[in-house]
Amino acid sequence: MKKILLLFVIAPLFLSAYGQENFFTKEGKITFYSHTPLEDITAKNTSVGSIINSSTGEIVFTLKMTDFIFPKKLMQKHFNNNYVESDKFPKATYKGMITNNDSVNYQKKGTYPVMVTGDMSIHGVTREVSAEGTISVTGEGIEANAVFMLQPEKYDIKIPRLVRKRLAENVEITVDMSYNPM
């Protein structure tokens, strides 16, 4: 009798967990690109951590600012020391929701357009950011991709006048994630 009662107590827990799959990565890629007539600046971070809860549409990203790699070491030094002040603000985070998560079938291979809305925290400032992207369900996991624009000044990132013409007011952010089931 105790075993049957235990089964009725535990079964709903297993049933509610079934189909609620989380996907994660520790090796996501975020690239930023700035274009001006004077110079193009690009940097890539390939150590981005992220989790997607497929049942709720919650999505979280976290990254260390010092993990951005630039083609020139001096750019990387200025980025970390003078602009994003990585010693004071070592991480950037994004916590959001896939607002049309119901339109993604995580059980069926295919590519699905998505809209993500959430809070981006950089340099001690948090702002709402929305972006269009895609989720591709593959045989091994899922791929998530998005491209959006970000304004460094909105995050209190000060650009000295001397180099202001070398950095675009709007920086293009590209997100490329390959998630595995947890």
C-alpha atoms as a PDB file:
ATOM      1  CA  MET A   1       0.000   0.000   0.000  1.00  0.00           C
ATOM      2  CA  LYS A   2       2.845   2.397   0.859  1.00  0.00           C
ATOM      3  CA  LYS A   3       4.471   1.682  -2.511  1.00  0.00           C
ATOM      4  CA  ILE A   4       1.260   2.526  -4.377  1.00  0.00           C
ATOM      5  CA  LEU A   5       0.811   5.739  -2.400  1.00  0.00           C
ATOM      6  CA  LEU A   6       4.439   6.677  -3.085  1.00  0.00           C
ATOM      7  CA  LEU A   7       3.880   6.022  -6.802  1.00  0.00           C
ATOM      8  CA  PHE A   8       0.898   8.419  -6.849  1.00  0.00           C
ATOM      9  CA  VAL A   9       2.957  11.084  -5.107  1.00  0.00           C
ATOM     10  CA  ILE A  10       6.053  10.713  -7.313  1.00  0.00           C
ATOM     11  CA  ALA A  11       4.358  10.072 -10.694  1.00  0.00           C
ATOM     12  CA  PRO A  12       3.082  13.650 -11.158  1.00  0.00           C
ATOM     13  CA  LEU A  13       6.610  14.935 -10.555  1.00  0.00           C
ATOM     14  CA  PHE A  14       8.009  12.744 -13.342  1.00  0.00           C
ATOM     15  CA  LEU A  15       5.143  13.563 -15.679  1.00  0.00           C
ATOM     16  CA  SER A  16       5.549  17.297 -15.178  1.00  0.00           C
ATOM     17  CA  ALA A  17       9.301  17.024 -15.783  1.00  0.00           C
ATOM     18  CA  TYR A  18       8.784  14.959 -18.957  1.00  0.00           C
ATOM     19  CA  GLY A  19       9.027  17.225 -22.001  1.00  0.00           C
ATOM     20  CA  GLN A  20      10.545  20.083 -19.994  1.00  0.00           C
ATOM     21  CA  GLU A  21      14.016  19.971 -21.385  1.00  0.00           C
ATOM     22  CA  ASN A  22      16.718  22.468 -20.662  1.00  0.00           C
ATOM     23  CA  PHE A  23      19.486  23.092 -23.155  1.00  0.00           C
ATOM     24  CA  PHE A  24      22.869  24.543 -22.259  1.00  0.00           C
ATOM     25  CA  THR A  25      26.244  25.583 -23.623  1.00  0.00           C
ATOM     26  CA  LYS A  26      29.491  26.811 -22.124  1.00  0.00           C
ATOM     27  CA  GLU A  27      31.013  27.524 -25.524  1.00  0.00           C
ATOM     28  CA  GLY A  28      28.579  29.932 -27.129  1.00  0.00           C
ATOM     29  CA  LYS A  29      29.872  32.656 -29.438  1.00  0.00           C
ATOM     30  CA  ILE A  30      29.122  36.356 -29.296  1.00  0.00           C
ATOM     31  CA  THR A  31      30.817  38.689 -31.742  1.00  0.00           C
ATOM     32  CA  PHE A  32      30.655  42.431 -31.945  1.00  0.00           C
ATOM     33  CA  TYR A  33      31.435  44.512 -34.984  1.00  0.00           C
ATOM     34  CA  SER A  34      31.866  48.269 -35.308  1.00  0.00           C
ATOM     35  CA  HIS A  35      32.181  49.888 -38.727  1.00  0.00           C
ATOM     36  CA  THR A  36      33.274  53.459 -39.346  1.00  0.00           C
ATOM     37  CA  PRO A  37      34.981  55.059 -42.355  1.00  0.00           C
ATOM     38  CA  LEU A  38      38.210  55.147 -40.311  1.00  0.00           C
ATOM     39  CA  GLU A  39      38.274  51.612 -38.941  1.00  0.00           C
ATOM     40  CA  ASP A  40      36.463  48.316 -38.511  1.00  0.00           C
ATOM     41  CA  ILE A  41      36.654  46.764 -35.058  1.00  0.00           C
ATOM     42  CA  THR A  42      35.639  43.212 -34.302  1.00  0.00           C
ATOM     43  CA  ALA A  43      35.973  40.956 -31.279  1.00  0.00           C
ATOM     44  CA  LYS A  44      34.774  37.450 -30.492  1.00  0.00           C
ATOM     45  CA  ASN A  45      33.967  35.687 -27.230  1.00  0.00           C
ATOM     46  CA  THR A  46      33.719  31.883 -27.529  1.00  0.00           C
ATOM     47  CA  SER A  47      33.192  31.145 -23.829  1.00  0.00           C
ATOM     48  CA  VAL A  48      29.593  32.293 -23.410  1.00  0.00           C
ATOM     49  CA  GLY A  49      27.440  30.292 -21.012  1.00  0.00           C
ATOM     50  CA  SER A  50      23.735  30.015 -21.765  1.00  0.00           C
ATOM     51  CA  ILE A  51      20.652  27.996 -20.817  1.00  0.00           C
ATOM     52  CA  ILE A  52      17.263  27.727 -22.527  1.00  0.00           C
ATOM     53  CA  ASN A  53      14.249  26.249 -20.784  1.00  0.00           C
ATOM     54  CA  SER A  54      12.234  24.876 -23.706  1.00  0.00           C
ATOM     55  CA  SER A  55       8.993  24.616 -21.740  1.00  0.00           C
ATOM     56  CA  THR A  56       8.926  28.215 -20.470  1.00  0.00           C
ATOM     57  CA  GLY A  57      11.056  30.008 -23.074  1.00  0.00           C
ATOM     58  CA  GLU A  58      13.373  31.432 -20.437  1.00  0.00           C
ATOM     59  CA  ILE A  59      16.852  32.158 -21.753  1.00  0.00           C
ATOM     60  CA  VAL A  60      19.957  33.307 -19.887  1.00  0.00           C
ATOM     61  CA  PHE A  61      23.411  34.306 -21.119  1.00  0.00           C
ATOM     62  CA  THR A  62      26.501  35.126 -19.102  1.00  0.00           C
ATOM     63  CA  LEU A  63      29.995  36.015 -20.262  1.00  0.00           C
ATOM     64  CA  LYS A  64      33.247  37.424 -18.991  1.00  0.00           C
ATOM     65  CA  MET A  65      34.201  40.675 -20.686  1.00  0.00           C
ATOM     66  CA  THR A  66      37.896  39.705 -20.650  1.00  0.00           C
ATOM     67  CA  ASP A  67      37.093  36.713 -22.875  1.00  0.00           C
ATOM     68  CA  PHE A  68      36.558  38.956 -25.915  1.00  0.00           C
ATOM     69  CA  ILE A  69      39.497  38.461 -28.263  1.00  0.00           C
ATOM     70  CA  PHE A  70      40.532  41.279 -30.590  1.00  0.00           C
ATOM     71  CA  PRO A  71      42.829  41.081 -33.609  1.00  0.00           C
ATOM     72  CA  LYS A  72      45.151  43.626 -31.933  1.00  0.00           C
ATOM     73  CA  LYS A  73      46.275  43.238 -28.314  1.00  0.00           C
ATOM     74  CA  LEU A  74      46.204  47.015 -27.787  1.00  0.00           C
ATOM     75  CA  MET A  75      42.506  47.113 -28.738  1.00  0.00           C
ATOM     76  CA  GLN A  76      41.816  44.369 -26.214  1.00  0.00           C
ATOM     77  CA  LYS A  77      43.720  46.239 -23.506  1.00  0.00           C
ATOM     78  CA  HIS A  78      41.832  49.511 -24.159  1.00  0.00           C
ATOM     79  CA  PHE A  79      38.497  47.663 -24.307  1.00  0.00           C
ATOM     80  CA  ASN A  80      39.023  46.030 -20.901  1.00  0.00           C
ATOM     81  CA  ASN A  81      40.838  48.835 -19.068  1.00  0.00           C
ATOM     82  CA  ASN A  82      39.325  52.025 -20.483  1.00  0.00           C
ATOM     83  CA  TYR A  83      35.885  51.265 -21.913  1.00  0.00           C
ATOM     84  CA  VAL A  84      34.081  48.355 -20.221  1.00  0.00           C
ATOM     85  CA  GLU A  85      36.304  48.504 -17.108  1.00  0.00           C
ATOM     86  CA  SER A  86      36.440  44.718 -16.760  1.00  0.00           C
ATOM     87  CA  ASP A  87      38.047  44.923 -13.324  1.00  0.00           C
ATOM     88  CA  LYS A  88      34.923  46.708 -11.943  1.00  0.00           C
ATOM     89  CA  PHE A  89      32.346  45.058 -14.230  1.00  0.00           C
ATOM     90  CA  PRO A  90      33.739  41.614 -15.127  1.00  0.00           C
ATOM     91  CA  LYS A  91      30.549  40.069 -16.536  1.00  0.00           C
ATOM     92  CA  ALA A  92      27.711  40.820 -18.888  1.00  0.00           C
ATOM     93  CA  THR A  93      24.382  39.018 -18.559  1.00  0.00           C
ATOM     94  CA  TYR A  94      21.114  38.686 -20.409  1.00  0.00           C
ATOM     95  CA  LYS A  95      17.957  37.268 -18.822  1.00  0.00           C
ATOM     96  CA  GLY A  96      14.949  37.067 -21.065  1.00  0.00           C
ATOM     97  CA  MET A  97      12.070  35.168 -22.602  1.00  0.00           C
ATOM     98  CA  ILE A  98      11.395  33.782 -26.029  1.00  0.00           C
ATOM     99  CA  THR A  99       8.094  35.600 -26.414  1.00  0.00           C
ATOM    100  CA  ASN A 100       6.748  33.242 -29.082  1.00  0.00           C
ATOM    101  CA  ASN A 101       8.112  30.050 -27.522  1.00  0.00           C
ATOM    102  CA  ASP A 102       4.834  28.221 -28.293  1.00  0.00           C
ATOM    103  CA  SER A 103       5.689  28.396 -31.999  1.00  0.00           C
ATOM    104  CA  VAL A 104       8.913  26.375 -31.501  1.00  0.00           C
ATOM    105  CA  ASN A 105       8.562  22.591 -31.601  1.00  0.00           C
ATOM    106  CA  TYR A 106      11.637  21.408 -29.697  1.00  0.00           C
ATOM    107  CA  GLN A 107      10.768  17.801 -30.620  1.00  0.00           C
ATOM    108  CA  LYS A 108      10.789  18.364 -34.409  1.00  0.00           C
ATOM    109  CA  LYS A 109      13.789  19.230 -36.581  1.00  0.00           C
ATOM    110  CA  GLY A 110      13.455  22.586 -38.264  1.00  0.00           C
ATOM    111  CA  THR A 111      14.226  26.285 -38.046  1.00  0.00           C
ATOM    112  CA  TYR A 112      11.836  28.552 -36.171  1.00  0.00           C
ATOM    113  CA  PRO A 113      11.794  32.373 -36.097  1.00  0.00           C
ATOM    114  CA  VAL A 114      11.759  33.730 -32.547  1.00  0.00           C
ATOM    115  CA  MET A 115      11.553  37.028 -30.701  1.00  0.00           C
ATOM    116  CA  VAL A 116      13.527  37.398 -27.467  1.00  0.00           C
ATOM    117  CA  THR A 117      12.915  40.167 -24.938  1.00  0.00           C
ATOM    118  CA  GLY A 118      14.819  40.621 -21.694  1.00  0.00           C
ATOM    119  CA  ASP A 119      17.282  42.572 -19.597  1.00  0.00           C
ATOM    120  CA  MET A 120      20.880  43.058 -20.703  1.00  0.00           C
ATOM    121  CA  SER A 121      23.372  44.096 -18.012  1.00  0.00           C
ATOM    122  CA  ILE A 122      26.702  45.550 -19.126  1.00  0.00           C
ATOM    123  CA  HIS A 123      29.054  47.895 -17.284  1.00  0.00           C
ATOM    124  CA  GLY A 124      26.707  48.067 -14.280  1.00  0.00           C
ATOM    125  CA  VAL A 125      23.736  49.222 -16.362  1.00  0.00           C
ATOM    126  CA  THR A 126      20.661  47.123 -17.141  1.00  0.00           C
ATOM    127  CA  ARG A 127      18.427  47.867 -20.129  1.00  0.00           C
ATOM    128  CA  GLU A 128      15.682  45.987 -21.924  1.00  0.00           C
ATOM    129  CA  VAL A 129      16.799  44.495 -25.225  1.00  0.00           C
ATOM    130  CA  SER A 130      14.633  42.732 -27.804  1.00  0.00           C
ATOM    131  CA  ALA A 131      15.929  40.862 -30.815  1.00  0.00           C
ATOM    132  CA  GLU A 132      14.659  38.668 -33.617  1.00  0.00           C
ATOM    133  CA  GLY A 133      16.461  35.421 -34.178  1.00  0.00           C
ATOM    134  CA  THR A 134      16.093  31.759 -35.037  1.00  0.00           C
ATOM    135  CA  ILE A 135      16.124  28.477 -33.182  1.00  0.00           C
ATOM    136  CA  SER A 136      17.079  25.432 -35.225  1.00  0.00           C
ATOM    137  CA  VAL A 137      16.264  22.029 -33.780  1.00  0.00           C
ATOM    138  CA  THR A 138      18.845  19.471 -34.893  1.00  0.00           C
ATOM    139  CA  GLY A 139      19.411  15.834 -34.119  1.00  0.00           C
ATOM    140  CA  GLU A 140      21.976  16.658 -31.403  1.00  0.00           C
ATOM    141  CA  GLY A 141      20.473  19.736 -29.746  1.00  0.00           C
ATOM    142  CA  ILE A 142      19.487  23.220 -30.831  1.00  0.00           C
ATOM    143  CA  GLU A 143      21.173  26.185 -32.495  1.00  0.00           C
ATOM    144  CA  ALA A 144      20.166  29.751 -31.620  1.00  0.00           C
ATOM    145  CA  ASN A 145      21.178  32.770 -33.684  1.00  0.00           C
ATOM    146  CA  ALA A 146      20.444  36.483 -33.559  1.00  0.00           C
ATOM    147  CA  VAL A 147      21.871  39.783 -34.743  1.00  0.00           C
ATOM    148  CA  PHE A 148      21.004  43.091 -33.089  1.00  0.00           C
ATOM    149  CA  MET A 149      22.427  46.560 -32.527  1.00  0.00           C
ATOM    150  CA  LEU A 150      23.714  47.896 -29.206  1.00  0.00           C
ATOM    151  CA  GLN A 151      24.674  51.447 -28.244  1.00  0.00           C
ATOM    152  CA  PRO A 152      27.669  51.519 -25.858  1.00  0.00           C
ATOM    153  CA  GLU A 153      26.709  54.993 -24.558  1.00  0.00           C
ATOM    154  CA  LYS A 154      23.408  53.601 -23.210  1.00  0.00           C
ATOM    155  CA  TYR A 155      25.511  51.428 -20.886  1.00  0.00           C
ATOM    156  CA  ASP A 156      27.598  54.367 -19.633  1.00  0.00           C
ATOM    157  CA  ILE A 157      30.593  53.216 -21.656  1.00  0.00           C
ATOM    158  CA  LYS A 158      32.576  56.380 -22.254  1.00  0.00           C
ATOM    159  CA  ILE A 159      34.459  56.688 -25.525  1.00  0.00           C
ATOM    160  CA  PRO A 160      37.228  59.335 -25.462  1.00  0.00           C
ATOM    161  CA  ARG A 161      36.981  62.065 -28.114  1.00  0.00           C
ATOM    162  CA  LEU A 162      40.320  61.010 -29.548  1.00  0.00           C
ATOM    163  CA  VAL A 163      38.909  57.643 -30.680  1.00  0.00           C
ATOM    164  CA  ARG A 164      35.185  58.483 -30.929  1.00  0.00           C
ATOM    165  CA  LYS A 165      35.292  58.540 -34.749  1.00  0.00           C
ATOM    166  CA  ARG A 166      36.804  55.033 -34.767  1.00  0.00           C
ATOM    167  CA  LEU A 167      33.896  53.399 -32.904  1.00  0.00           C
ATOM    168  CA  ALA A 168      30.381  53.267 -34.334  1.00  0.00           C
ATOM    169  CA  GLU A 169      27.504  54.655 -32.264  1.00  0.00           C
ATOM    170  CA  ASN A 170      25.667  51.373 -32.912  1.00  0.00           C
ATOM    171  CA  VAL A 171      27.659  48.178 -32.557  1.00  0.00           C
ATOM    172  CA  GLU A 172      26.415  45.010 -34.265  1.00  0.00           C
ATOM    173  CA  ILE A 173      26.127  42.020 -31.915  1.00  0.00           C
ATOM    174  CA  THR A 174      25.964  38.502 -33.391  1.00  0.00           C
ATOM    175  CA  VAL A 175      24.893  35.577 -31.214  1.00  0.00           C
ATOM    176  CA  ASP A 176      25.669  31.992 -32.323  1.00  0.00           C
ATOM    177  CA  MET A 177      24.867  29.273 -29.794  1.00  0.00           C
ATOM    178  CA  SER A 178      25.002  25.477 -30.053  1.00  0.00           C
ATOM    179  CA  TYR A 179      23.069  23.949 -27.151  1.00  0.00           C
ATOM    180  CA  ASN A 180      23.058  20.396 -25.857  1.00  0.00           C
ATOM    181  CA  PRO A 181      20.317  18.838 -23.734  1.00  0.00           C
ATOM    182  CA  MET A 182      21.005  18.994 -19.991  1.00  0.00           C
END
